[in-house]
């Protein structure tokens, strides 16, 4: 019985250290600056929303019918798969041709 009671705290310390290491590694790869929880990056922000005309596929600058558009996003086969827009806060938003937001790059991100 004495050996078991001493082993339990040691095991808990090891597991606790592993949990802290995992949290630290997550914290290094994700931060508030590039998080979708940051309102600047959020689709709830009107500047990032497809409801904003600047981001809408109804805007001719974003239309796949505009062959002079400079904001098209293409796949490796040369097919247009969407477009990108930059919000006033500097976030780059990526939309598919239907206007669904499919990604973003935070301000200053690449």
Protein backbone atom coordinates (compact mmCIF):
# COMPACT_ATOMS: atom_id res chain seq x y z
CA UNK A 1 0.00 0.00 0.00
CA UNK A 2 2.78 2.43 0.81
CA UNK A 3 4.40 1.98 -2.63
CA UNK A 4 1.12 2.63 -4.45
CA UNK A 5 0.42 5.88 -2.60
CA UNK A 6 3.87 7.22 -3.49
CA UNK A 7 3.59 6.20 -7.14
CA UNK A 8 0.34 8.08 -7.74
CA UNK A 9 1.76 11.59 -7.19
CA UNK A 10 4.74 10.80 -9.46
CA UNK A 11 2.42 9.64 -12.26
CA UNK A 12 0.29 12.78 -11.86
CA UNK A 13 3.36 14.99 -12.08
CA UNK A 14 4.49 13.29 -15.29
CA UNK A 15 1.04 13.57 -16.86
CA UNK A 16 0.76 17.19 -15.73
CA UNK A 17 4.08 18.00 -17.37
CA UNK A 18 2.96 16.38 -20.63
CA UNK A 19 -0.25 18.43 -20.61
CA UNK A 20 1.71 21.64 -20.05
CA UNK A 21 4.05 20.78 -22.92
CA UNK A 22 1.08 20.27 -25.25
CA UNK A 23 -0.48 23.58 -24.23
CA UNK A 24 2.83 25.36 -24.81
CA UNK A 25 3.21 23.88 -28.30
CA UNK A 26 -0.34 24.92 -29.21
CA UNK A 27 0.31 28.38 -27.82
CA UNK A 28 3.34 28.76 -30.05
CA UNK A 29 1.53 27.90 -33.25
CA UNK A 30 -1.69 29.78 -32.53
CA UNK A 31 -1.89 33.27 -31.17
CA UNK A 32 -4.59 35.88 -30.90
CA UNK A 33 -3.19 37.86 -33.85
CA UNK A 34 -3.93 35.08 -36.37
CA UNK A 35 -6.90 33.53 -34.56
CA UNK A 36 -10.41 33.61 -36.03
CA UNK A 37 -11.50 34.54 -32.49
CA UNK A 38 -9.83 37.92 -33.09
CA UNK A 39 -12.64 40.19 -34.33
CA UNK A 40 -10.28 41.68 -36.92
CA UNK A 41 -10.13 38.23 -38.61
CA UNK A 42 -13.69 37.12 -37.86
CA UNK A 43 -16.34 36.64 -40.56
CA UNK A 44 -18.65 38.44 -38.09
CA UNK A 45 -16.68 41.61 -38.86
CA UNK A 46 -18.57 43.35 -41.70
CA UNK A 47 -15.26 44.11 -43.45
CA UNK A 48 -14.69 40.34 -43.83
CA UNK A 49 -18.25 39.40 -44.66
CA UNK A 50 -19.55 38.47 -48.12
CA UNK A 51 -22.51 40.73 -47.23
CA UNK A 52 -20.11 43.66 -47.74
CA UNK A 53 -20.33 44.67 -51.41
CA UNK A 54 -16.53 44.95 -51.60
CA UNK A 55 -16.36 41.20 -50.88
CA UNK A 56 -19.41 40.14 -52.86
CA UNK A 57 -19.26 38.11 -56.08
CA UNK A 58 -21.91 40.56 -57.36
CA UNK A 59 -19.19 43.22 -57.41
CA UNK A 60 -17.80 43.12 -60.97
CA UNK A 61 -14.24 43.40 -59.62
CA UNK A 62 -14.73 39.99 -57.96
CA UNK A 63 -16.72 38.36 -60.74
CA UNK A 64 -15.37 35.35 -62.64
CA UNK A 65 -16.87 37.05 -65.72
CA UNK A 66 -14.35 39.90 -65.39
CA UNK A 67 -11.31 38.65 -67.30
CA UNK A 68 -9.35 41.77 -66.29
CA UNK A 69 -9.79 41.14 -62.55
CA UNK A 70 -6.48 41.11 -60.70
CA UNK A 71 -7.74 39.41 -57.53
CA UNK A 72 -8.57 35.95 -58.90
CA UNK A 73 -7.34 32.80 -57.14
CA UNK A 74 -6.50 29.90 -59.45
CA UNK A 75 -5.77 26.21 -58.98
CA UNK A 76 -2.75 24.44 -60.46
CA UNK A 77 -4.73 23.73 -63.66
CA UNK A 78 -5.35 27.43 -64.26
CA UNK A 79 -9.03 27.29 -63.29
CA UNK A 80 -10.37 30.18 -61.30
CA UNK A 81 -11.54 28.86 -57.92
CA UNK A 82 -12.25 32.17 -56.20
CA UNK A 83 -10.97 35.63 -55.40
CA UNK A 84 -9.29 37.57 -52.64
CA UNK A 85 -10.09 40.94 -51.14
CA UNK A 86 -8.27 43.08 -48.61
CA UNK A 87 -10.25 44.63 -45.75
CA UNK A 88 -9.57 48.16 -44.51
CA UNK A 89 -7.87 46.65 -41.44
CA UNK A 90 -5.39 44.77 -43.66
CA UNK A 91 -6.85 41.25 -43.43
CA UNK A 92 -6.82 39.40 -46.77
CA UNK A 93 -10.02 37.38 -47.24
CA UNK A 94 -10.34 34.45 -49.64
CA UNK A 95 -13.72 33.64 -51.16
CA UNK A 96 -14.87 30.94 -53.56
CA UNK A 97 -16.62 32.04 -56.76
CA UNK A 98 -19.98 31.83 -54.98
CA UNK A 99 -18.91 34.35 -52.33
CA UNK A 100 -18.34 31.91 -49.45
CA UNK A 101 -15.41 32.96 -47.28
CA UNK A 102 -12.99 30.02 -47.32
CA UNK A 103 -9.96 31.52 -45.61
CA UNK A 104 -8.02 34.58 -44.56
CA UNK A 105 -4.52 35.89 -43.89
CA UNK A 106 -4.19 38.17 -40.87
CA UNK A 107 -2.85 41.69 -41.23
CA UNK A 108 0.83 41.47 -42.01
CA UNK A 109 0.53 37.70 -42.59
CA UNK A 110 1.62 35.83 -45.66
